[in-house]
Amino acid sequence: MKPESIESVVETLQGQGYVCPRPLATAVFLALRLGKPLFLEGEPGTGKTEIAKALAAALGRDLIRLQCYEGLGAAEAVYEWNFAAQMVAIRAAEAGGAPVDPFDPRFLIERPLLQAMRPHAGGPPVLLIDELDRTDAPFEAFLLEALSDFAVTIPELGRIEAPEPPIVILTSNRTREVHDALKRRCLYAWVDYPDAAREMAILHARAPEAAEALSREVVAFVQALRAEDLFKKPGVAESIDWAKCLLALDVIALTPEVIADTLGAILKYQDDIQKIEGSEAKRLLEEVRRGLAA
């Protein structure tokens, strides 16, 4: 059952370990209430993909994910024919078997967009179109048509329309601008890095075994890292991974040595690691501890 209020969206997602700020919960609520796609934009690692997973789990719906990439086209996104199976059936028919229609639906391989148009036992699925900014303009134009009517056309079979529109969430890391025509079809929300209080709540939900003191140090240090001039700032996923790494090492408090040993859990580029390790990590840790003490 869909949430009946913004507060229930927050509570529903919280039950799946997703700490949702009210502006984002409002966008989710309106997308569900109005049946419109939700376009989420923001830096990598801020939880855009996770909200689709949490929403599908909370509503008991299937999650169908279309991972976007450069060169993605209709064949990969909607359908393709099983050519090998078609040829086997045709040759069997030529050898004296029963006549076969090579475009029988049993030879159809359904890809994410077509799967999302089909009826589902638990209700319309959550369709996650992830990292749309990786695709190109022709695919955006195709997607615009598909999401306008929630229907696709297969030349050999005709038009296939969703009996009930799926819940559509599109994400973008903003490596390029997505066309305004597509954005106009959607509700929009910017997903930013969380503040310290929300990141603490996320750590409590995702790594509850971490001690309070260690969690505060982890969050404060990651927040300090995001203020540095880095090629790739650590996201929420990195905060969670780092906390779990520290727990696996039985660490109870951060030290410069521990930070140096585990920087690869939060920074993913060698230039960033070289910039932070050593005296810079020690300086940041001292600032973090002074801030926590204050």
C-alpha atoms as a PDB file:
ATOM      1  CA  MET A   1       0.000   0.000   0.000  1.00  0.00           C
ATOM      2  CA  LYS A   2       1.332   3.430  -0.932  1.00  0.00           C
ATOM      3  CA  PRO A   3       2.107   5.898   1.890  1.00  0.00           C
ATOM      4  CA  GLU A   4      -0.702   8.347   2.612  1.00  0.00           C
ATOM      5  CA  SER A   5       1.421  11.264   3.818  1.00  0.00           C
ATOM      6  CA  ILE A   6       4.910  12.705   3.677  1.00  0.00           C
ATOM      7  CA  GLU A   7       5.515  11.527   7.240  1.00  0.00           C
ATOM      8  CA  SER A   8       4.556   7.980   6.305  1.00  0.00           C
ATOM      9  CA  VAL A   9       7.044   8.088   3.415  1.00  0.00           C
ATOM     10  CA  VAL A  10       9.777   9.021   5.900  1.00  0.00           C
ATOM     11  CA  GLU A  11       8.717   6.205   8.252  1.00  0.00           C
ATOM     12  CA  THR A  12       8.318   3.657   5.458  1.00  0.00           C
ATOM     13  CA  LEU A  13      11.780   4.320   4.056  1.00  0.00           C
ATOM     14  CA  GLN A  14      13.244   4.448   7.562  1.00  0.00           C
ATOM     15  CA  GLY A  15      11.973   0.897   8.008  1.00  0.00           C
ATOM     16  CA  GLN A  16      14.250  -0.113   5.120  1.00  0.00           C
ATOM     17  CA  GLY A  17      17.260   1.665   6.605  1.00  0.00           C
ATOM     18  CA  TYR A  18      16.957   4.728   4.353  1.00  0.00           C
ATOM     19  CA  VAL A  19      17.060   8.024   6.244  1.00  0.00           C
ATOM     20  CA  CYS A  20      15.077  10.378   4.031  1.00  0.00           C
ATOM     21  CA  PRO A  21      15.030  14.187   4.496  1.00  0.00           C
ATOM     22  CA  ARG A  22      11.620  15.817   4.270  1.00  0.00           C
ATOM     23  CA  PRO A  23      12.131  17.611   0.895  1.00  0.00           C
ATOM     24  CA  LEU A  24      13.065  14.309  -0.746  1.00  0.00           C
ATOM     25  CA  ALA A  25      10.214  12.509   1.015  1.00  0.00           C
ATOM     26  CA  THR A  26       7.850  15.168  -0.332  1.00  0.00           C
ATOM     27  CA  ALA A  27       9.059  14.522  -3.889  1.00  0.00           C
ATOM     28  CA  VAL A  28       8.614  10.775  -3.432  1.00  0.00           C
ATOM     29  CA  PHE A  29       5.120  11.223  -1.991  1.00  0.00           C
ATOM     30  CA  LEU A  30       4.024  13.455  -4.870  1.00  0.00           C
ATOM     31  CA  ALA A  31       5.508  11.089  -7.470  1.00  0.00           C
ATOM     32  CA  LEU A  32       3.517   8.217  -5.954  1.00  0.00           C
ATOM     33  CA  ARG A  33       0.330  10.269  -5.563  1.00  0.00           C
ATOM     34  CA  LEU A  34       0.426  11.808  -9.066  1.00  0.00           C
ATOM     35  CA  GLY A  35       1.853   8.795 -10.896  1.00  0.00           C
ATOM     36  CA  LYS A  36       4.721  10.842 -12.329  1.00  0.00           C
ATOM     37  CA  PRO A  37       8.347   9.765 -12.828  1.00  0.00           C
ATOM     38  CA  LEU A  38      10.796  11.117 -10.252  1.00  0.00           C
ATOM     39  CA  PHE A  39      14.100  12.509 -11.521  1.00  0.00           C
ATOM     40  CA  LEU A  40      16.865  12.473  -8.888  1.00  0.00           C
ATOM     41  CA  GLU A  41      20.060  14.383  -9.561  1.00  0.00           C
ATOM     42  CA  GLY A  42      23.144  14.756  -7.402  1.00  0.00           C
ATOM     43  CA  GLU A  43      26.722  13.743  -6.771  1.00  0.00           C
ATOM     44  CA  PRO A  44      27.644  10.034  -6.893  1.00  0.00           C
ATOM     45  CA  GLY A  45      27.213   8.275  -3.578  1.00  0.00           C
ATOM     46  CA  THR A  46      24.416  10.422  -2.162  1.00  0.00           C
ATOM     47  CA  GLY A  47      21.788   7.644  -2.099  1.00  0.00           C
ATOM     48  CA  LYS A  48      19.863   8.160  -5.340  1.00  0.00           C
ATOM     49  CA  THR A  49      19.909   4.498  -6.347  1.00  0.00           C
ATOM     50  CA  GLU A  50      19.274   3.316  -2.801  1.00  0.00           C
ATOM     51  CA  ILE A  51      15.977   5.180  -2.548  1.00  0.00           C
ATOM     52  CA  ALA A  52      14.560   3.121  -5.432  1.00  0.00           C
ATOM     53  CA  LYS A  53      15.689  -0.106  -3.749  1.00  0.00           C
ATOM     54  CA  ALA A  54      14.238   0.973  -0.401  1.00  0.00           C
ATOM     55  CA  LEU A  55      10.956   2.055  -1.978  1.00  0.00           C
ATOM     56  CA  ALA A  56      10.530  -1.238  -3.847  1.00  0.00           C
ATOM     57  CA  ALA A  57      11.222  -3.236  -0.686  1.00  0.00           C
ATOM     58  CA  ALA A  58       8.907  -1.056   1.433  1.00  0.00           C
ATOM     59  CA  LEU A  59       6.007  -1.339  -1.023  1.00  0.00           C
ATOM     60  CA  GLY A  60       6.593  -5.029  -1.738  1.00  0.00           C
ATOM     61  CA  ARG A  61       7.082  -4.318  -5.454  1.00  0.00           C
ATOM     62  CA  ASP A  62       9.498  -5.819  -7.946  1.00  0.00           C
ATOM     63  CA  LEU A  63      12.533  -3.660  -8.674  1.00  0.00           C
ATOM     64  CA  ILE A  64      13.513  -3.500 -12.343  1.00  0.00           C
ATOM     65  CA  ARG A  65      16.795  -1.716 -12.996  1.00  0.00           C
ATOM     66  CA  LEU A  66      17.985  -0.311 -16.297  1.00  0.00           C
ATOM     67  CA  GLN A  67      21.657   0.546 -15.891  1.00  0.00           C
ATOM     68  CA  CYS A  68      22.501   3.205 -18.452  1.00  0.00           C
ATOM     69  CA  TYR A  69      25.739   3.458 -20.410  1.00  0.00           C
ATOM     70  CA  GLU A  70      27.069   5.146 -23.521  1.00  0.00           C
ATOM     71  CA  GLY A  71      25.535   3.660 -26.668  1.00  0.00           C
ATOM     72  CA  LEU A  72      22.501   2.174 -24.905  1.00  0.00           C
ATOM     73  CA  GLY A  73      19.694   1.626 -27.411  1.00  0.00           C
ATOM     74  CA  ALA A  74      16.184   0.232 -27.672  1.00  0.00           C
ATOM     75  CA  ALA A  75      17.375  -3.341 -28.234  1.00  0.00           C
ATOM     76  CA  GLU A  76      19.174  -3.360 -24.881  1.00  0.00           C
ATOM     77  CA  ALA A  77      16.490  -1.380 -23.040  1.00  0.00           C
ATOM     78  CA  VAL A  78      13.238  -2.827 -24.441  1.00  0.00           C
ATOM     79  CA  TYR A  79      13.561  -6.148 -26.227  1.00  0.00           C
ATOM     80  CA  GLU A  80      15.399  -8.299 -28.703  1.00  0.00           C
ATOM     81  CA  TRP A  81      14.583 -11.502 -30.528  1.00  0.00           C
ATOM     82  CA  ASN A  82      16.270 -14.759 -29.570  1.00  0.00           C
ATOM     83  CA  PHE A  83      17.859 -15.315 -32.961  1.00  0.00           C
ATOM     84  CA  ALA A  84      19.366 -18.702 -32.094  1.00  0.00           C
ATOM     85  CA  ALA A  85      16.029 -20.098 -30.894  1.00  0.00           C
ATOM     86  CA  GLN A  86      14.283 -18.694 -33.980  1.00  0.00           C
ATOM     87  CA  MET A  87      16.745 -20.435 -36.303  1.00  0.00           C
ATOM     88  CA  VAL A  88      16.414 -23.759 -34.495  1.00  0.00           C
ATOM     89  CA  ALA A  89      12.615 -23.598 -34.749  1.00  0.00           C
ATOM     90  CA  ILE A  90      12.741 -22.645 -38.444  1.00  0.00           C
ATOM     91  CA  ARG A  91      15.117 -25.489 -39.296  1.00  0.00           C
ATOM     92  CA  ALA A  92      12.973 -27.936 -37.351  1.00  0.00           C
ATOM     93  CA  ALA A  93       9.948 -26.796 -39.349  1.00  0.00           C
ATOM     94  CA  GLU A  94      11.871 -27.162 -42.615  1.00  0.00           C
ATOM     95  CA  ALA A  95      12.789 -30.727 -41.613  1.00  0.00           C
ATOM     96  CA  GLY A  96       9.133 -31.667 -41.406  1.00  0.00           C
ATOM     97  CA  GLY A  97       8.034 -30.286 -38.072  1.00  0.00           C
ATOM     98  CA  ALA A  98       5.034 -28.112 -37.375  1.00  0.00           C
ATOM     99  CA  PRO A  99       4.997 -24.651 -38.973  1.00  0.00           C
ATOM    100  CA  VAL A 100       6.457 -21.988 -36.730  1.00  0.00           C
ATOM    101  CA  ASP A 101       6.050 -18.251 -36.498  1.00  0.00           C
ATOM    102  CA  PRO A 102       9.570 -16.863 -35.995  1.00  0.00           C
ATOM    103  CA  PHE A 103       8.054 -13.860 -34.241  1.00  0.00           C
ATOM    104  CA  ASP A 104       6.083 -15.865 -31.720  1.00  0.00           C
ATOM    105  CA  PRO A 105       6.274 -14.089 -28.311  1.00  0.00           C
ATOM    106  CA  ARG A 106       8.094 -17.118 -26.877  1.00  0.00           C
ATOM    107  CA  PHE A 107      11.158 -16.022 -28.856  1.00  0.00           C
ATOM    108  CA  LEU A 108      11.052 -12.537 -27.362  1.00  0.00           C
ATOM    109  CA  ILE A 109      13.711 -11.575 -24.828  1.00  0.00           C
ATOM    110  CA  GLU A 110      12.240  -8.886 -22.602  1.00  0.00           C
ATOM    111  CA  ARG A 111      14.538  -6.144 -21.371  1.00  0.00           C
ATOM    112  CA  PRO A 112      13.867  -3.776 -18.421  1.00  0.00           C
ATOM    113  CA  LEU A 113      11.491  -1.278 -20.074  1.00  0.00           C
ATOM    114  CA  LEU A 114       9.276  -4.010 -21.509  1.00  0.00           C
ATOM    115  CA  GLN A 115       9.380  -5.962 -18.243  1.00  0.00           C
ATOM    116  CA  ALA A 116       8.156  -2.847 -16.430  1.00  0.00           C
ATOM    117  CA  MET A 117       5.170  -2.582 -18.804  1.00  0.00           C
ATOM    118  CA  ARG A 118       3.984  -6.088 -17.985  1.00  0.00           C
ATOM    119  CA  PRO A 119       1.492  -6.890 -15.191  1.00  0.00           C
ATOM    120  CA  HIS A 120       3.138  -7.908 -11.900  1.00  0.00           C
ATOM    121  CA  ALA A 121       1.484  -9.923  -9.166  1.00  0.00           C
ATOM    122  CA  GLY A 122       2.377  -7.472  -6.390  1.00  0.00           C
ATOM    123  CA  GLY A 123       1.367  -4.394  -8.349  1.00  0.00           C
ATOM    124  CA  PRO A 124       3.266  -2.123 -10.761  1.00  0.00           C
ATOM    125  CA  PRO A 125       7.019  -2.477 -10.277  1.00  0.00           C
ATOM    126  CA  VAL A 126       9.571   0.174  -9.416  1.00  0.00           C
ATOM    127  CA  LEU A 127      11.511   0.957 -12.601  1.00  0.00           C
ATOM    128  CA  LEU A 128      14.934   2.390 -11.830  1.00  0.00           C
ATOM    129  CA  ILE A 129      16.615   4.080 -14.809  1.00  0.00           C
ATOM    130  CA  ASP A 130      20.044   4.554 -13.287  1.00  0.00           C
ATOM    131  CA  GLU A 131      22.679   7.099 -14.350  1.00  0.00           C
ATOM    132  CA  LEU A 132      20.730   8.475 -17.298  1.00  0.00           C
ATOM    133  CA  ASP A 133      23.469  11.044 -17.921  1.00  0.00           C
ATOM    134  CA  ARG A 134      25.670   8.242 -19.289  1.00  0.00           C
ATOM    135  CA  THR A 135      23.423   7.808 -22.342  1.00  0.00           C
ATOM    136  CA  ASP A 136      23.076  10.038 -25.392  1.00  0.00           C
ATOM    137  CA  ALA A 137      20.373  12.263 -26.912  1.00  0.00           C
ATOM    138  CA  PRO A 138      18.727   9.610 -29.173  1.00  0.00           C
ATOM    139  CA  PHE A 139      18.047   7.353 -26.198  1.00  0.00           C
ATOM    140  CA  GLU A 140      16.656  10.284 -24.211  1.00  0.00           C
ATOM    141  CA  ALA A 141      14.252  11.004 -27.082  1.00  0.00           C
ATOM    142  CA  PHE A 142      13.156   7.377 -27.161  1.00  0.00           C
ATOM    143  CA  LEU A 143      12.715   7.342 -23.388  1.00  0.00           C
ATOM    144  CA  LEU A 144      10.660  10.525 -23.548  1.00  0.00           C
ATOM    145  CA  GLU A 145       8.143   8.777 -25.807  1.00  0.00           C
ATOM    146  CA  ALA A 146       8.097   5.601 -23.719  1.00  0.00           C
ATOM    147  CA  LEU A 147       7.493   7.450 -20.432  1.00  0.00           C
ATOM    148  CA  SER A 148       4.845   9.760 -21.898  1.00  0.00           C
ATOM    149  CA  ASP A 149       2.424   6.902 -22.602  1.00  0.00           C
ATOM    150  CA  PHE A 150       4.042   4.089 -20.617  1.00  0.00           C
ATOM    151  CA  ALA A 151       3.978   2.037 -23.785  1.00  0.00           C
ATOM    152  CA  VAL A 152       6.421   0.586 -26.288  1.00  0.00           C
ATOM    153  CA  THR A 153       5.944  -0.630 -29.840  1.00  0.00           C
ATOM    154  CA  ILE A 154       7.414  -3.849 -31.185  1.00  0.00           C
ATOM    155  CA  PRO A 155       7.015  -3.828 -34.984  1.00  0.00           C
ATOM    156  CA  GLU A 156       6.312  -7.566 -35.209  1.00  0.00           C
ATOM    157  CA  LEU A 157       3.827  -7.607 -32.306  1.00  0.00           C
ATOM    158  CA  GLY A 158       2.391  -4.093 -32.150  1.00  0.00           C
ATOM    159  CA  ARG A 159       1.931  -1.677 -29.260  1.00  0.00           C
ATOM    160  CA  ILE A 160       2.331  -2.931 -25.692  1.00  0.00           C
ATOM    161  CA  GLU A 161       0.925  -0.619 -23.036  1.00  0.00           C
ATOM    162  CA  ALA A 162       1.276  -0.942 -19.273  1.00  0.00           C
ATOM    163  CA  PRO A 163      -2.107  -1.787 -17.669  1.00  0.00           C
ATOM    164  CA  GLU A 164      -0.971   0.398 -14.751  1.00  0.00           C
ATOM    165  CA  PRO A 165       2.077   2.702 -14.957  1.00  0.00           C
ATOM    166  CA  PRO A 166       5.198   1.555 -13.108  1.00  0.00           C
ATOM    167  CA  ILE A 167       6.775   3.697 -10.400  1.00  0.00           C
ATOM    168  CA  VAL A 168       9.630   5.316 -12.312  1.00  0.00           C
ATOM    169  CA  ILE A 169      12.779   6.741 -10.723  1.00  0.00           C
ATOM    170  CA  LEU A 170      15.507   8.208 -12.912  1.00  0.00           C
ATOM    171  CA  THR A 171      18.921   9.153 -11.555  1.00  0.00           C
ATOM    172  CA  SER A 172      21.736  11.318 -12.876  1.00  0.00           C
ATOM    173  CA  ASN A 173      25.211  12.106 -11.549  1.00  0.00           C
ATOM    174  CA  ARG A 174      25.132  15.254 -13.686  1.00  0.00           C
ATOM    175  CA  THR A 175      28.170  14.416 -15.798  1.00  0.00           C
ATOM    176  CA  ARG A 176      26.118  16.160 -18.500  1.00  0.00           C
ATOM    177  CA  GLU A 177      22.794  17.972 -18.623  1.00  0.00           C
ATOM    178  CA  VAL A 178      19.714  15.882 -19.346  1.00  0.00           C
ATOM    179  CA  HIS A 179      17.366  17.467 -21.892  1.00  0.00           C
ATOM    180  CA  ASP A 180      14.676  19.770 -20.505  1.00  0.00           C
ATOM    181  CA  ALA A 181      11.915  17.934 -22.387  1.00  0.00           C
ATOM    182  CA  LEU A 182      12.567  14.798 -20.345  1.00  0.00           C
ATOM    183  CA  LYS A 183      12.883  16.708 -17.082  1.00  0.00           C
ATOM    184  CA  ARG A 184       9.509  18.370 -17.717  1.00  0.00           C
ATOM    185  CA  ARG A 185       7.841  14.944 -17.672  1.00  0.00           C
ATOM    186  CA  CYS A 186       9.185  14.302 -14.170  1.00  0.00           C
ATOM    187  CA  LEU A 187       9.142  15.661 -10.666  1.00  0.00           C
ATOM    188  CA  TYR A 188      12.643  16.754  -9.691  1.00  0.00           C
ATOM    189  CA  ALA A 189      14.745  16.514  -6.543  1.00  0.00           C
ATOM    190  CA  TRP A 190      18.395  17.286  -5.882  1.00  0.00           C
ATOM    191  CA  VAL A 191      19.990  14.705  -3.572  1.00  0.00           C
ATOM    192  CA  ASP A 192      22.876  16.289  -1.702  1.00  0.00           C
ATOM    193  CA  TYR A 193      25.453  14.925   0.699  1.00  0.00           C
ATOM    194  CA  PRO A 194      23.847  14.559   4.147  1.00  0.00           C
ATOM    195  CA  ASP A 195      24.666  16.836   7.018  1.00  0.00           C
ATOM    196  CA  ALA A 196      26.374  15.348  10.066  1.00  0.00           C
ATOM    197  CA  ALA A 197      23.145  14.587  11.944  1.00  0.00           C
ATOM    198  CA  ARG A 198      21.579  12.746   9.021  1.00  0.00           C
ATOM    199  CA  GLU A 199      24.806  10.868   8.276  1.00  0.00           C
ATOM    200  CA  MET A 200      24.928   9.734  11.905  1.00  0.00           C
ATOM    201  CA  ALA A 201      21.362   8.460  11.568  1.00  0.00           C
ATOM    202  CA  ILE A 202      22.337   6.624   8.372  1.00  0.00           C
ATOM    203  CA  LEU A 203      25.302   4.979  10.124  1.00  0.00           C
ATOM    204  CA  HIS A 204      23.068   3.930  13.016  1.00  0.00           C
ATOM    205  CA  ALA A 205      20.699   2.318  10.490  1.00  0.00           C
ATOM    206  CA  ARG A 206      23.326   0.657   8.285  1.00  0.00           C
ATOM    207  CA  ALA A 207      26.099  -0.098  10.780  1.00  0.00           C
ATOM    208  CA  PRO A 208      24.286  -0.300  14.128  1.00  0.00           C
ATOM    209  CA  GLU A 209      27.088  -2.311  15.738  1.00  0.00           C
ATOM    210  CA  ALA A 210      29.482   0.667  15.514  1.00  0.00           C
ATOM    211  CA  ALA A 211      30.033   2.430  18.846  1.00  0.00           C
ATOM    212  CA  GLU A 212      28.662   5.953  19.194  1.00  0.00           C
ATOM    213  CA  ALA A 213      32.091   7.524  19.669  1.00  0.00           C
ATOM    214  CA  LEU A 214      33.570   5.808  16.605  1.00  0.00           C
ATOM    215  CA  SER A 215      30.539   6.694  14.488  1.00  0.00           C
ATOM    216  CA  ARG A 216      30.884  10.360  15.436  1.00  0.00           C
ATOM    217  CA  GLU A 217      34.562  10.360  14.484  1.00  0.00           C
ATOM    218  CA  VAL A 218      33.846   8.613  11.179  1.00  0.00           C
ATOM    219  CA  VAL A 219      31.081  11.048  10.257  1.00  0.00           C
ATOM    220  CA  ALA A 220      33.067  14.120  11.315  1.00  0.00           C
ATOM    221  CA  PHE A 221      36.161  12.987   9.404  1.00  0.00           C
ATOM    222  CA  VAL A 222      34.186  12.218   6.227  1.00  0.00           C
ATOM    223  CA  GLN A 223      32.411  15.571   6.503  1.00  0.00           C
ATOM    224  CA  ALA A 224      35.824  17.249   6.803  1.00  0.00           C
ATOM    225  CA  LEU A 225      37.090  15.341   3.752  1.00  0.00           C
ATOM    226  CA  ARG A 226      34.172  16.663   1.686  1.00  0.00           C
ATOM    227  CA  ALA A 227      35.350  20.201   2.429  1.00  0.00           C
ATOM    228  CA  GLU A 228      38.758  19.413   0.906  1.00  0.00           C
ATOM    229  CA  ASP A 229      39.637  19.940  -2.752  1.00  0.00           C
ATOM    230  CA  LEU A 230      39.364  16.299  -3.872  1.00  0.00           C
ATOM    231  CA  PHE A 231      38.793  14.804  -7.297  1.00  0.00           C
ATOM    232  CA  LYS A 232      36.058  12.532  -5.894  1.00  0.00           C
ATOM    233  CA  LYS A 233      34.499  13.336  -2.540  1.00  0.00           C
ATOM    234  CA  PRO A 234      33.423  10.340  -0.448  1.00  0.00           C
ATOM    235  CA  GLY A 235      29.718   9.506  -0.553  1.00  0.00           C
ATOM    236  CA  VAL A 236      27.445   7.962   2.034  1.00  0.00           C
ATOM    237  CA  ALA A 237      28.257   4.472   0.756  1.00  0.00           C
ATOM    238  CA  GLU A 238      31.934   5.122   1.518  1.00  0.00           C
ATOM    239  CA  SER A 239      31.086   6.268   5.061  1.00  0.00           C
ATOM    240  CA  ILE A 240      29.213   3.029   5.673  1.00  0.00           C
ATOM    241  CA  ASP A 241      31.956   0.907   4.117  1.00  0.00           C
ATOM    242  CA  TRP A 242      34.624   2.654   6.176  1.00  0.00           C
ATOM    243  CA  ALA A 243      32.717   2.131   9.417  1.00  0.00           C
ATOM    244  CA  LYS A 244      32.355  -1.573   8.602  1.00  0.00           C
ATOM    245  CA  CYS A 245      36.061  -1.834   7.740  1.00  0.00           C
ATOM    246  CA  LEU A 246      36.984  -0.258  11.071  1.00  0.00           C
ATOM    247  CA  LEU A 247      34.690  -2.681  12.892  1.00  0.00           C
ATOM    248  CA  ALA A 248      36.290  -5.615  11.078  1.00  0.00           C
ATOM    249  CA  LEU A 249      39.678  -4.373  12.325  1.00  0.00           C
ATOM    250  CA  ASP A 250      38.335  -3.992  15.907  1.00  0.00           C
ATOM    251  CA  VAL A 251      39.112  -0.271  15.832  1.00  0.00           C
ATOM    252  CA  ILE A 252      37.542   1.710  18.661  1.00  0.00           C
ATOM    253  CA  ALA A 253      38.933   5.167  17.756  1.00  0.00           C
ATOM    254  CA  LEU A 254      40.556   6.801  14.752  1.00  0.00           C
ATOM    255  CA  THR A 255      44.313   7.306  14.667  1.00  0.00           C
ATOM    256  CA  PRO A 256      46.538   8.638  11.868  1.00  0.00           C
ATOM    257  CA  GLU A 257      47.867   5.092  11.376  1.00  0.00           C
ATOM    258  CA  VAL A 258      44.381   3.578  11.094  1.00  0.00           C
ATOM    259  CA  ILE A 259      43.334   6.300   8.656  1.00  0.00           C
ATOM    260  CA  ALA A 260      46.425   5.671   6.493  1.00  0.00           C
ATOM    261  CA  ASP A 261      45.697   1.932   6.437  1.00  0.00           C
ATOM    262  CA  THR A 262      42.046   2.321   5.459  1.00  0.00           C
ATOM    263  CA  LEU A 263      41.916   5.408   3.224  1.00  0.00           C
ATOM    264  CA  GLY A 264      41.106   3.146   0.266  1.00  0.00           C
ATOM    265  CA  ALA A 265      37.688   2.535   1.775  1.00  0.00           C
ATOM    266  CA  ILE A 266      36.685   6.194   1.436  1.00  0.00           C
ATOM    267  CA  LEU A 267      38.897   7.627  -1.320  1.00  0.00           C
ATOM    268  CA  LYS A 268      38.988   5.944  -4.720  1.00  0.00           C
ATOM    269  CA  TYR A 269      41.673   7.926  -6.543  1.00  0.00           C
ATOM    270  CA  GLN A 270      45.387   7.683  -5.784  1.00  0.00           C
ATOM    271  CA  ASP A 271      45.880  11.452  -6.155  1.00  0.00           C
ATOM    272  CA  ASP A 272      43.266  12.018  -3.432  1.00  0.00           C
ATOM    273  CA  ILE A 273      44.861   9.408  -1.171  1.00  0.00           C
ATOM    274  CA  GLN A 274      48.324  10.948  -1.592  1.00  0.00           C
ATOM    275  CA  LYS A 275      46.899  14.365  -0.788  1.00  0.00           C
ATOM    276  CA  ILE A 276      45.269  13.246   2.473  1.00  0.00           C
ATOM    277  CA  GLU A 277      47.595  10.602   3.890  1.00  0.00           C
ATOM    278  CA  GLY A 278      50.315  11.476   6.383  1.00  0.00           C
ATOM    279  CA  SER A 279      50.408  14.909   7.986  1.00  0.00           C
ATOM    280  CA  GLU A 280      47.185  16.062   6.270  1.00  0.00           C
ATOM    281  CA  ALA A 281      45.219  13.170   7.781  1.00  0.00           C
ATOM    282  CA  LYS A 282      46.696  13.972  11.197  1.00  0.00           C
ATOM    283  CA  ARG A 283      45.715  17.642  10.829  1.00  0.00           C
ATOM    284  CA  LEU A 284      42.149  16.757   9.820  1.00  0.00           C
ATOM    285  CA  LEU A 285      41.813  14.308  12.699  1.00  0.00           C
ATOM    286  CA  GLU A 286      42.993  16.917  15.209  1.00  0.00           C
ATOM    287  CA  GLU A 287      40.461  19.418  13.822  1.00  0.00           C
ATOM    288  CA  VAL A 288      37.724  16.799  13.997  1.00  0.00           C
ATOM    289  CA  ARG A 289      38.510  15.998  17.619  1.00  0.00           C
ATOM    290  CA  ARG A 290      38.568  19.664  18.597  1.00  0.00           C
ATOM    291  CA  GLY A 291      35.184  20.109  16.927  1.00  0.00           C
ATOM    292  CA  LEU A 292      33.699  17.085  18.681  1.00  0.00           C
ATOM    293  CA  ALA A 293      35.093  18.192  22.030  1.00  0.00           C
ATOM    294  CA  ALA A 294      33.567  21.620  21.578  1.00  0.00           C
END
